[in-house]
């Protein structure tokens, strides 16, 4: 008996996933500036497609704290699940930053 279900997950399309994620970020009231998004003039996330990677990947930098010069968490998104995890983490941080004000 095999553990396979008979189908494979669809291929990750980094460009399409990036466009969808950018729409989500704009819906969270973040301002787009170049390759990143800002909250109250402070950069909170930077995104770009890594064309040099073996598999399609989105490289992301997520601010640890809301600051003019933030420290960054570096992430490589290789699937829709990774994008959803980043979205959930960003929402948690936005909530925390709103409460700290």
PDB file of N, CA and C in Angstrom:
ATOM      1  N   UNK A   1       0.835  -1.179   0.000  1.00  0.00           N
ATOM      2  CA  UNK A   1       0.000   0.000   0.000  1.00  0.00           C
ATOM      3  C   UNK A   1       0.884   1.249   0.000  1.00  0.00           C
ATOM      4  N   UNK A   2       0.536   2.204  -0.790  1.00  0.00           N
ATOM      5  CA  UNK A   2       1.342   3.400  -0.978  1.00  0.00           C
ATOM      6  C   UNK A   2       0.765   4.580  -0.193  1.00  0.00           C
ATOM      7  N   UNK A   3       1.637   5.504   0.215  1.00  0.00           N
ATOM      8  CA  UNK A   3       1.203   6.706   0.911  1.00  0.00           C
ATOM      9  C   UNK A   3       0.835   7.827  -0.047  1.00  0.00           C
ATOM     10  N   UNK A   4       0.946   7.612  -1.331  1.00  0.00           N
ATOM     11  CA  UNK A   4       0.637   8.639  -2.315  1.00  0.00           C
ATOM     12  C   UNK A   4      -0.864   8.757  -2.519  1.00  0.00           C
ATOM     13  N   UNK A   5      -1.317   9.959  -2.777  1.00  0.00           N
ATOM     14  CA  UNK A   5      -2.739  10.206  -2.989  1.00  0.00           C
ATOM     15  C   UNK A   5      -3.108  10.242  -4.464  1.00  0.00           C
ATOM     16  N   UNK A   6      -2.135  10.169  -5.338  1.00  0.00           N
ATOM     17  CA  UNK A   6      -2.428  10.140  -6.757  1.00  0.00           C
ATOM     18  C   UNK A   6      -2.411  11.497  -7.430  1.00  0.00           C
ATOM     19  N   UNK A   7      -2.088  12.544  -6.705  1.00  0.00           N
ATOM     20  CA  UNK A   7      -1.974  13.850  -7.330  1.00  0.00           C
ATOM     21  C   UNK A   7      -0.881  14.646  -6.628  1.00  0.00           C
ATOM     22  N   UNK A   8      -0.324  15.585  -7.361  1.00  0.00           N
ATOM     23  CA  UNK A   8       0.743  16.426  -6.815  1.00  0.00           C
ATOM     24  C   UNK A   8       0.208  17.832  -6.582  1.00  0.00           C
ATOM     25  N   UNK A   9       0.806  18.520  -5.667  1.00  0.00           N
ATOM     26  CA  UNK A   9       0.441  19.918  -5.431  1.00  0.00           C
ATOM     27  C   UNK A   9       0.791  20.731  -6.675  1.00  0.00           C
ATOM     28  N   UNK A  10      -0.002  21.762  -6.981  1.00  0.00           N
ATOM     29  CA  UNK A  10       0.325  22.587  -8.145  1.00  0.00           C
ATOM     30  C   UNK A  10       1.670  23.277  -7.961  1.00  0.00           C
ATOM     31  N   UNK A  11       2.333  23.529  -9.056  1.00  0.00           N
ATOM     32  CA  UNK A  11       3.639  24.192  -9.012  1.00  0.00           C
ATOM     33  C   UNK A  11       3.483  25.608  -8.446  1.00  0.00           C
ATOM     34  N   UNK A  12       4.444  26.024  -7.654  1.00  0.00           N
ATOM     35  CA  UNK A  12       4.437  27.355  -7.057  1.00  0.00           C
ATOM     36  C   UNK A  12       4.872  28.371  -8.106  1.00  0.00           C
ATOM     37  N   UNK A  13       4.036  29.331  -8.352  1.00  0.00           N
ATOM     38  CA  UNK A  13       4.333  30.401  -9.307  1.00  0.00           C
ATOM     39  C   UNK A  13       4.630  31.657  -8.502  1.00  0.00           C
ATOM     40  N   UNK A  14       5.913  31.943  -8.334  1.00  0.00           N
ATOM     41  CA  UNK A  14       6.354  33.034  -7.465  1.00  0.00           C
ATOM     42  C   UNK A  14       5.792  34.387  -7.902  1.00  0.00           C
ATOM     43  N   UNK A  15       5.771  34.653  -9.198  1.00  0.00           N
ATOM     44  CA  UNK A  15       5.264  35.943  -9.683  1.00  0.00           C
ATOM     45  C   UNK A  15       3.795  36.137  -9.333  1.00  0.00           C
ATOM     46  N   UNK A  16       2.986  35.109  -9.556  1.00  0.00           N
ATOM     47  CA  UNK A  16       1.558  35.193  -9.245  1.00  0.00           C
ATOM     48  C   UNK A  16       1.333  35.313  -7.741  1.00  0.00           C
ATOM     49  N   UNK A  17       2.092  34.548  -6.969  1.00  0.00           N
ATOM     50  CA  UNK A  17       1.954  34.594  -5.516  1.00  0.00           C
ATOM     51  C   UNK A  17       2.346  35.974  -4.979  1.00  0.00           C
ATOM     52  N   UNK A  18       3.382  36.580  -5.565  1.00  0.00           N
ATOM     53  CA  UNK A  18       3.816  37.907  -5.138  1.00  0.00           C
ATOM     54  C   UNK A  18       2.737  38.951  -5.413  1.00  0.00           C
ATOM     55  N   UNK A  19       2.113  38.896  -6.588  1.00  0.00           N
ATOM     56  CA  UNK A  19       1.032  39.837  -6.906  1.00  0.00           C
ATOM     57  C   UNK A  19      -0.123  39.701  -5.927  1.00  0.00           C
ATOM     58  N   UNK A  20      -0.518  38.471  -5.626  1.00  0.00           N
ATOM     59  CA  UNK A  20      -1.611  38.226  -4.692  1.00  0.00           C
ATOM     60  C   UNK A  20      -1.254  38.731  -3.295  1.00  0.00           C
ATOM     61  N   UNK A  21      -0.018  38.487  -2.867  1.00  0.00           N
ATOM     62  CA  UNK A  21       0.416  38.915  -1.544  1.00  0.00           C
ATOM     63  C   UNK A  21       0.466  40.441  -1.448  1.00  0.00           C
ATOM     64  N   UNK A  22       0.877  41.099  -2.522  1.00  0.00           N
ATOM     65  CA  UNK A  22       0.894  42.562  -2.530  1.00  0.00           C
ATOM     66  C   UNK A  22      -0.519  43.126  -2.379  1.00  0.00           C
ATOM     67  N   UNK A  23      -1.499  42.488  -3.014  1.00  0.00           N
ATOM     68  CA  UNK A  23      -2.899  42.914  -2.851  1.00  0.00           C
ATOM     69  C   UNK A  23      -3.316  42.798  -1.389  1.00  0.00           C
ATOM     70  N   UNK A  24      -2.920  41.707  -0.765  1.00  0.00           N
ATOM     71  CA  UNK A  24      -3.240  41.490   0.650  1.00  0.00           C
ATOM     72  C   UNK A  24      -2.609  42.581   1.509  1.00  0.00           C
ATOM     73  N   UNK A  25      -1.363  42.922   1.233  1.00  0.00           N
ATOM     74  CA  UNK A  25      -0.672  43.951   2.021  1.00  0.00           C
ATOM     75  C   UNK A  25      -1.329  45.314   1.866  1.00  0.00           C
ATOM     76  N   UNK A  26      -1.771  45.640   0.653  1.00  0.00           N
ATOM     77  CA  UNK A  26      -2.486  46.901   0.459  1.00  0.00           C
ATOM     78  C   UNK A  26      -3.804  46.889   1.221  1.00  0.00           C
ATOM     79  N   UNK A  27      -4.434  45.726   1.309  1.00  0.00           N
ATOM     80  CA  UNK A  27      -5.667  45.582   2.087  1.00  0.00           C
ATOM     81  C   UNK A  27      -5.444  45.764   3.576  1.00  0.00           C
ATOM     82  N   UNK A  28      -4.227  45.565   4.029  1.00  0.00           N
ATOM     83  CA  UNK A  28      -3.874  45.776   5.438  1.00  0.00           C
ATOM     84  C   UNK A  28      -3.471  47.228   5.703  1.00  0.00           C
ATOM     85  N   UNK A  29      -3.722  48.106   4.746  1.00  0.00           N
ATOM     86  CA  UNK A  29      -3.447  49.536   4.859  1.00  0.00           C
ATOM     87  C   UNK A  29      -1.952  49.861   4.904  1.00  0.00           C
ATOM     88  N   UNK A  30      -1.135  49.051   4.244  1.00  0.00           N
ATOM     89  CA  UNK A  30       0.294  49.333   4.131  1.00  0.00           C
ATOM     90  C   UNK A  30       0.541  50.074   2.820  1.00  0.00           C
ATOM     91  N   UNK A  31       1.469  51.007   2.842  1.00  0.00           N
ATOM     92  CA  UNK A  31       1.802  51.809   1.658  1.00  0.00           C
ATOM     93  C   UNK A  31       2.953  51.162   0.910  1.00  0.00           C
ATOM     94  N   UNK A  32       2.781  50.992  -0.390  1.00  0.00           N
ATOM     95  CA  UNK A  32       3.829  50.381  -1.208  1.00  0.00           C
ATOM     96  C   UNK A  32       4.842  51.440  -1.622  1.00  0.00           C
ATOM     97  N   UNK A  33       6.115  51.144  -1.382  1.00  0.00           N
ATOM     98  CA  UNK A  33       7.220  52.017  -1.777  1.00  0.00           C
ATOM     99  C   UNK A  33       8.309  51.145  -2.380  1.00  0.00           C
ATOM    100  N   UNK A  34       8.471  51.198  -3.674  1.00  0.00           N
ATOM    101  CA  UNK A  34       9.474  50.374  -4.346  1.00  0.00           C
ATOM    102  C   UNK A  34       9.179  48.889  -4.166  1.00  0.00           C
ATOM    103  N   UNK A  35      10.146  48.168  -3.627  1.00  0.00           N
ATOM    104  CA  UNK A  35       9.969  46.723  -3.438  1.00  0.00           C
ATOM    105  C   UNK A  35       9.466  46.389  -2.039  1.00  0.00           C
ATOM    106  N   UNK A  36       9.064  47.411  -1.269  1.00  0.00           N
ATOM    107  CA  UNK A  36       8.628  47.157   0.099  1.00  0.00           C
ATOM    108  C   UNK A  36       7.327  47.854   0.441  1.00  0.00           C
ATOM    109  N   UNK A  37       6.885  47.614   1.674  1.00  0.00           N
ATOM    110  CA  UNK A  37       5.653  48.206   2.180  1.00  0.00           C
ATOM    111  C   UNK A  37       5.945  48.862   3.516  1.00  0.00           C
ATOM    112  N   UNK A  38       5.267  49.991   3.763  1.00  0.00           N
ATOM    113  CA  UNK A  38       5.516  50.776   4.964  1.00  0.00           C
ATOM    114  C   UNK A  38       4.241  50.981   5.761  1.00  0.00           C
ATOM    115  N   UNK A  39       4.447  51.184   7.062  1.00  0.00           N
ATOM    116  CA  UNK A  39       3.379  51.551   7.981  1.00  0.00           C
ATOM    117  C   UNK A  39       3.828  52.833   8.661  1.00  0.00           C
ATOM    118  N   UNK A  40       3.056  53.894   8.506  1.00  0.00           N
ATOM    119  CA  UNK A  40       3.382  55.199   9.082  1.00  0.00           C
ATOM    120  C   UNK A  40       4.803  55.654   8.722  1.00  0.00           C
ATOM    121  N   UNK A  41       5.191  55.406   7.464  1.00  0.00           N
ATOM    122  CA  UNK A  41       6.485  55.864   6.962  1.00  0.00           C
ATOM    123  C   UNK A  41       7.665  54.995   7.351  1.00  0.00           C
ATOM    124  N   UNK A  42       7.413  53.872   8.000  1.00  0.00           N
ATOM    125  CA  UNK A  42       8.501  52.975   8.399  1.00  0.00           C
ATOM    126  C   UNK A  42       8.343  51.640   7.682  1.00  0.00           C
ATOM    127  N   UNK A  43       9.407  51.208   7.042  1.00  0.00           N
ATOM    128  CA  UNK A  43       9.371  49.977   6.259  1.00  0.00           C
ATOM    129  C   UNK A  43       9.147  48.776   7.170  1.00  0.00           C
ATOM    130  N   UNK A  44       8.175  47.912   6.783  1.00  0.00           N
ATOM    131  CA  UNK A  44       7.883  46.715   7.584  1.00  0.00           C
ATOM    132  C   UNK A  44       8.175  45.420   6.834  1.00  0.00           C
ATOM    133  N   UNK A  45       8.147  45.471   5.487  1.00  0.00           N
ATOM    134  CA  UNK A  45       8.405  44.254   4.717  1.00  0.00           C
ATOM    135  C   UNK A  45       8.949  44.631   3.343  1.00  0.00           C
ATOM    136  N   UNK A  46       9.878  43.819   2.861  1.00  0.00           N
ATOM    137  CA  UNK A  46      10.442  43.964   1.527  1.00  0.00           C
ATOM    138  C   UNK A  46      10.302  42.623   0.817  1.00  0.00           C
ATOM    139  N   UNK A  47       9.882  42.647  -0.443  1.00  0.00           N
ATOM    140  CA  UNK A  47       9.631  41.422  -1.202  1.00  0.00           C
ATOM    141  C   UNK A  47      10.265  41.506  -2.586  1.00  0.00           C
ATOM    142  N   UNK A  48      10.798  40.374  -3.053  1.00  0.00           N
ATOM    143  CA  UNK A  48      11.285  40.297  -4.432  1.00  0.00           C
ATOM    144  C   UNK A  48      11.332  38.831  -4.859  1.00  0.00           C
ATOM    145  N   UNK A  49      11.144  38.611  -6.148  1.00  0.00           N
ATOM    146  CA  UNK A  49      11.232  37.261  -6.703  1.00  0.00           C
ATOM    147  C   UNK A  49      12.708  36.958  -6.949  1.00  0.00           C
ATOM    148  N   UNK A  50      13.149  35.787  -6.510  1.00  0.00           N
ATOM    149  CA  UNK A  50      14.539  35.361  -6.705  1.00  0.00           C
ATOM    150  C   UNK A  50      14.601  34.520  -7.974  1.00  0.00           C
ATOM    151  N   UNK A  51      15.049  35.138  -9.051  1.00  0.00           N
ATOM    152  CA  UNK A  51      15.127  34.452 -10.335  1.00  0.00           C
ATOM    153  C   UNK A  51      16.327  33.516 -10.422  1.00  0.00           C
ATOM    154  N   UNK A  52      17.299  33.678  -9.546  1.00  0.00           N
ATOM    155  CA  UNK A  52      18.509  32.856  -9.569  1.00  0.00           C
ATOM    156  C   UNK A  52      18.343  31.538  -8.817  1.00  0.00           C
ATOM    157  N   UNK A  53      17.298  31.418  -8.027  1.00  0.00           N
ATOM    158  CA  UNK A  53      17.092  30.209  -7.230  1.00  0.00           C
ATOM    159  C   UNK A  53      16.750  29.018  -8.121  1.00  0.00           C
ATOM    160  N   UNK A  54      17.041  27.819  -7.620  1.00  0.00           N
ATOM    161  CA  UNK A  54      16.741  26.585  -8.358  1.00  0.00           C
ATOM    162  C   UNK A  54      15.235  26.451  -8.590  1.00  0.00           C
ATOM    163  N   UNK A  55      14.454  26.695  -7.555  1.00  0.00           N
ATOM    164  CA  UNK A  55      12.994  26.665  -7.650  1.00  0.00           C
ATOM    165  C   UNK A  55      12.487  28.102  -7.501  1.00  0.00           C
ATOM    166  N   UNK A  56      11.311  28.402  -8.041  1.00  0.00           N
ATOM    167  CA  UNK A  56      10.775  29.760  -7.897  1.00  0.00           C
ATOM    168  C   UNK A  56      10.637  30.119  -6.416  1.00  0.00           C
ATOM    169  N   UNK A  57      11.179  31.268  -6.045  1.00  0.00           N
ATOM    170  CA  UNK A  57      11.209  31.670  -4.647  1.00  0.00           C
ATOM    171  C   UNK A  57      10.935  33.166  -4.526  1.00  0.00           C
ATOM    172  N   UNK A  58      10.256  33.538  -3.452  1.00  0.00           N
ATOM    173  CA  UNK A  58      10.096  34.940  -3.093  1.00  0.00           C
ATOM    174  C   UNK A  58      10.990  35.187  -1.886  1.00  0.00           C
ATOM    175  N   UNK A  59      11.896  36.153  -2.011  1.00  0.00           N
ATOM    176  CA  UNK A  59      12.734  36.531  -0.882  1.00  0.00           C
ATOM    177  C   UNK A  59      12.027  37.656  -0.137  1.00  0.00           C
ATOM    178  N   UNK A  60      11.889  37.487   1.174  1.00  0.00           N
ATOM    179  CA  UNK A  60      11.200  38.481   1.992  1.00  0.00           C
ATOM    180  C   UNK A  60      12.072  38.891   3.170  1.00  0.00           C
ATOM    181  N   UNK A  61      11.947  40.140   3.544  1.00  0.00           N
ATOM    182  CA  UNK A  61      12.557  40.660   4.752  1.00  0.00           C
ATOM    183  C   UNK A  61      11.420  41.256   5.570  1.00  0.00           C
ATOM    184  N   UNK A  62      11.261  40.782   6.807  1.00  0.00           N
ATOM    185  CA  UNK A  62      10.188  41.222   7.687  1.00  0.00           C
ATOM    186  C   UNK A  62      10.804  41.911   8.898  1.00  0.00           C
ATOM    187  N   UNK A  63      10.356  43.143   9.181  1.00  0.00           N
ATOM    188  CA  UNK A  63      10.895  43.904  10.304  1.00  0.00           C
ATOM    189  C   UNK A  63      10.517  43.239  11.623  1.00  0.00           C
ATOM    190  N   UNK A  64      11.486  43.171  12.539  1.00  0.00           N
ATOM    191  CA  UNK A  64      11.209  42.618  13.873  1.00  0.00           C
ATOM    192  C   UNK A  64      10.434  43.621  14.718  1.00  0.00           C
ATOM    193  N   UNK A  65      10.788  44.908  14.567  1.00  0.00           N
ATOM    194  CA  UNK A  65      10.116  45.983  15.287  1.00  0.00           C
ATOM    195  C   UNK A  65       9.836  47.122  14.314  1.00  0.00           C
ATOM    196  N   UNK A  66       8.844  47.907  14.630  1.00  0.00           N
ATOM    197  CA  UNK A  66       8.534  49.081  13.817  1.00  0.00           C
ATOM    198  C   UNK A  66       9.547  50.166  14.174  1.00  0.00           C
ATOM    199  N   UNK A  67      10.488  50.420  13.281  1.00  0.00           N
ATOM    200  CA  UNK A  67      11.559  51.385  13.540  1.00  0.00           C
ATOM    201  C   UNK A  67      12.012  52.002  12.221  1.00  0.00           C
ATOM    202  N   UNK A  68      12.659  53.158  12.339  1.00  0.00           N
ATOM    203  CA  UNK A  68      13.181  53.815  11.140  1.00  0.00           C
ATOM    204  C   UNK A  68      14.259  52.964  10.477  1.00  0.00           C
ATOM    205  N   UNK A  69      15.079  52.277  11.280  1.00  0.00           N
ATOM    206  CA  UNK A  69      16.096  51.360  10.776  1.00  0.00           C
ATOM    207  C   UNK A  69      15.874  50.006  11.454  1.00  0.00           C
ATOM    208  N   UNK A  70      14.991  49.181  10.892  1.00  0.00           N
ATOM    209  CA  UNK A  70      14.629  47.934  11.576  1.00  0.00           C
ATOM    210  C   UNK A  70      15.678  46.829  11.427  1.00  0.00           C
ATOM    211  N   UNK A  71      15.610  45.879  12.349  1.00  0.00           N
ATOM    212  CA  UNK A  71      16.324  44.618  12.196  1.00  0.00           C
ATOM    213  C   UNK A  71      15.400  43.724  11.386  1.00  0.00           C
ATOM    214  N   UNK A  72      15.982  42.881  10.530  1.00  0.00           N
ATOM    215  CA  UNK A  72      15.178  42.098   9.588  1.00  0.00           C
ATOM    216  C   UNK A  72      15.240  40.606   9.874  1.00  0.00           C
ATOM    217  N   UNK A  73      14.098  39.939   9.689  1.00  0.00           N
ATOM    218  CA  UNK A  73      14.042  38.486   9.595  1.00  0.00           C
ATOM    219  C   UNK A  73      14.025  38.181   8.105  1.00  0.00           C
ATOM    220  N   UNK A  74      14.937  37.339   7.636  1.00  0.00           N
ATOM    221  CA  UNK A  74      15.032  36.983   6.217  1.00  0.00           C
ATOM    222  C   UNK A  74      14.326  35.652   5.986  1.00  0.00           C
ATOM    223  N   UNK A  75      13.452  35.625   4.979  1.00  0.00           N
ATOM    224  CA  UNK A  75      12.656  34.432   4.685  1.00  0.00           C
ATOM    225  C   UNK A  75      12.706  34.117   3.197  1.00  0.00           C
ATOM    226  N   UNK A  76      12.619  32.833   2.885  1.00  0.00           N
ATOM    227  CA  UNK A  76      12.503  32.377   1.501  1.00  0.00           C
ATOM    228  C   UNK A  76      11.173  31.637   1.373  1.00  0.00           C
ATOM    229  N   UNK A  77      10.275  32.173   0.563  1.00  0.00           N
ATOM    230  CA  UNK A  77       8.940  31.591   0.397  1.00  0.00           C
ATOM    231  C   UNK A  77       8.945  30.715  -0.848  1.00  0.00           C
ATOM    232  N   UNK A  78       8.708  29.425  -0.656  1.00  0.00           N
ATOM    233  CA  UNK A  78       8.781  28.477  -1.769  1.00  0.00           C
ATOM    234  C   UNK A  78       7.455  27.787  -2.057  1.00  0.00           C
ATOM    235  N   UNK A  79       6.404  28.164  -1.314  1.00  0.00           N
ATOM    236  CA  UNK A  79       5.091  27.562  -1.537  1.00  0.00           C
ATOM    237  C   UNK A  79       4.011  28.513  -1.048  1.00  0.00           C
ATOM    238  N   UNK A  80       2.779  28.227  -1.420  1.00  0.00           N
ATOM    239  CA  UNK A  80       1.639  29.023  -0.945  1.00  0.00           C
ATOM    240  C   UNK A  80       1.531  28.944   0.579  1.00  0.00           C
ATOM    241  N   UNK A  81       1.875  27.804   1.147  1.00  0.00           N
ATOM    242  CA  UNK A  81       1.836  27.647   2.600  1.00  0.00           C
ATOM    243  C   UNK A  81       2.806  28.610   3.274  1.00  0.00           C
ATOM    244  N   UNK A  82       3.995  28.786   2.696  1.00  0.00           N
ATOM    245  CA  UNK A  82       4.971  29.737   3.236  1.00  0.00           C
ATOM    246  C   UNK A  82       4.420  31.164   3.181  1.00  0.00           C
ATOM    247  N   UNK A  83       3.741  31.493   2.104  1.00  0.00           N
ATOM    248  CA  UNK A  83       3.166  32.830   1.951  1.00  0.00           C
ATOM    249  C   UNK A  83       2.080  33.046   3.014  1.00  0.00           C
ATOM    250  N   UNK A  84       1.236  32.044   3.242  1.00  0.00           N
ATOM    251  CA  UNK A  84       0.185  32.153   4.262  1.00  0.00           C
ATOM    252  C   UNK A  84       0.785  32.305   5.658  1.00  0.00           C
ATOM    253  N   UNK A  85       1.867  31.582   5.945  1.00  0.00           N
ATOM    254  CA  UNK A  85       2.530  31.711   7.247  1.00  0.00           C
ATOM    255  C   UNK A  85       3.084  33.120   7.440  1.00  0.00           C
ATOM    256  N   UNK A  86       3.701  33.671   6.397  1.00  0.00           N
ATOM    257  CA  UNK A  86       4.228  35.027   6.479  1.00  0.00           C
ATOM    258  C   UNK A  86       3.095  36.029   6.681  1.00  0.00           C
ATOM    259  N   UNK A  87       1.997  35.842   5.980  1.00  0.00           N
ATOM    260  CA  UNK A  87       0.852  36.736   6.132  1.00  0.00           C
ATOM    261  C   UNK A  87       0.335  36.703   7.573  1.00  0.00           C
ATOM    262  N   UNK A  88       0.220  35.533   8.153  1.00  0.00           N
ATOM    263  CA  UNK A  88      -0.245  35.400   9.538  1.00  0.00           C
ATOM    264  C   UNK A  88       0.728  36.070  10.509  1.00  0.00           C
ATOM    265  N   UNK A  89       2.018  35.863  10.296  1.00  0.00           N
ATOM    266  CA  UNK A  89       3.032  36.474  11.170  1.00  0.00           C
ATOM    267  C   UNK A  89       3.005  37.996  11.050  1.00  0.00           C
ATOM    268  N   UNK A  90       2.861  38.511   9.833  1.00  0.00           N
ATOM    269  CA  UNK A  90       2.804  39.950   9.630  1.00  0.00           C
ATOM    270  C   UNK A  90       1.583  40.541  10.339  1.00  0.00           C
ATOM    271  N   UNK A  91       0.443  39.880  10.259  1.00  0.00           N
ATOM    272  CA  UNK A  91      -0.758  40.370  10.940  1.00  0.00           C
ATOM    273  C   UNK A  91      -0.547  40.416  12.448  1.00  0.00           C
ATOM    274  N   UNK A  92       0.122  39.416  13.019  1.00  0.00           N
ATOM    275  CA  UNK A  92       0.414  39.421  14.455  1.00  0.00           C
ATOM    276  C   UNK A  92       1.284  40.614  14.824  1.00  0.00           C
ATOM    277  N   UNK A  93       2.310  40.849  14.014  1.00  0.00           N
ATOM    278  CA  UNK A  93       3.217  41.961  14.304  1.00  0.00           C
ATOM    279  C   UNK A  93       2.513  43.303  14.145  1.00  0.00           C
ATOM    280  N   UNK A  94       1.673  43.447  13.125  1.00  0.00           N
ATOM    281  CA  UNK A  94       0.925  44.697  12.948  1.00  0.00           C
ATOM    282  C   UNK A  94       0.021  44.955  14.156  1.00  0.00           C
ATOM    283  N   UNK A  95      -0.652  43.911  14.640  1.00  0.00           N
ATOM    284  CA  UNK A  95      -1.498  44.060  15.828  1.00  0.00           C
ATOM    285  C   UNK A  95      -0.665  44.504  17.024  1.00  0.00           C
ATOM    286  N   UNK A  96       0.485  43.878  17.215  1.00  0.00           N
ATOM    287  CA  UNK A  96       1.353  44.225  18.341  1.00  0.00           C
ATOM    288  C   UNK A  96       1.828  45.677  18.216  1.00  0.00           C
ATOM    289  N   UNK A  97       2.225  46.094  17.025  1.00  0.00           N
ATOM    290  CA  UNK A  97       2.700  47.456  16.823  1.00  0.00           C
ATOM    291  C   UNK A  97       1.586  48.465  17.055  1.00  0.00           C
ATOM    292  N   UNK A  98       0.354  48.121  16.663  1.00  0.00           N
ATOM    293  CA  UNK A  98      -0.781  49.033  16.890  1.00  0.00           C
ATOM    294  C   UNK A  98      -1.039  49.189  18.394  1.00  0.00           C
ATOM    295  N   UNK A  99      -0.943  48.091  19.160  1.00  0.00           N
ATOM    296  CA  UNK A  99      -1.172  48.130  20.609  1.00  0.00           C
ATOM    297  C   UNK A  99      -0.074  48.894  21.338  1.00  0.00           C
ATOM    298  N   UNK A 100       1.158  48.851  20.808  1.00  0.00           N
ATOM    299  CA  UNK A 100       2.287  49.535  21.452  1.00  0.00           C
ATOM    300  C   UNK A 100       2.188  51.045  21.318  1.00  0.00           C
ATOM    301  N   UNK A 101       1.433  51.534  20.362  1.00  0.00           N
ATOM    302  CA  UNK A 101       1.286  52.992  20.179  1.00  0.00           C
ATOM    303  C   UNK A 101       0.364  53.614  21.181  1.00  0.00           C
TER     304      UNK A 101
END
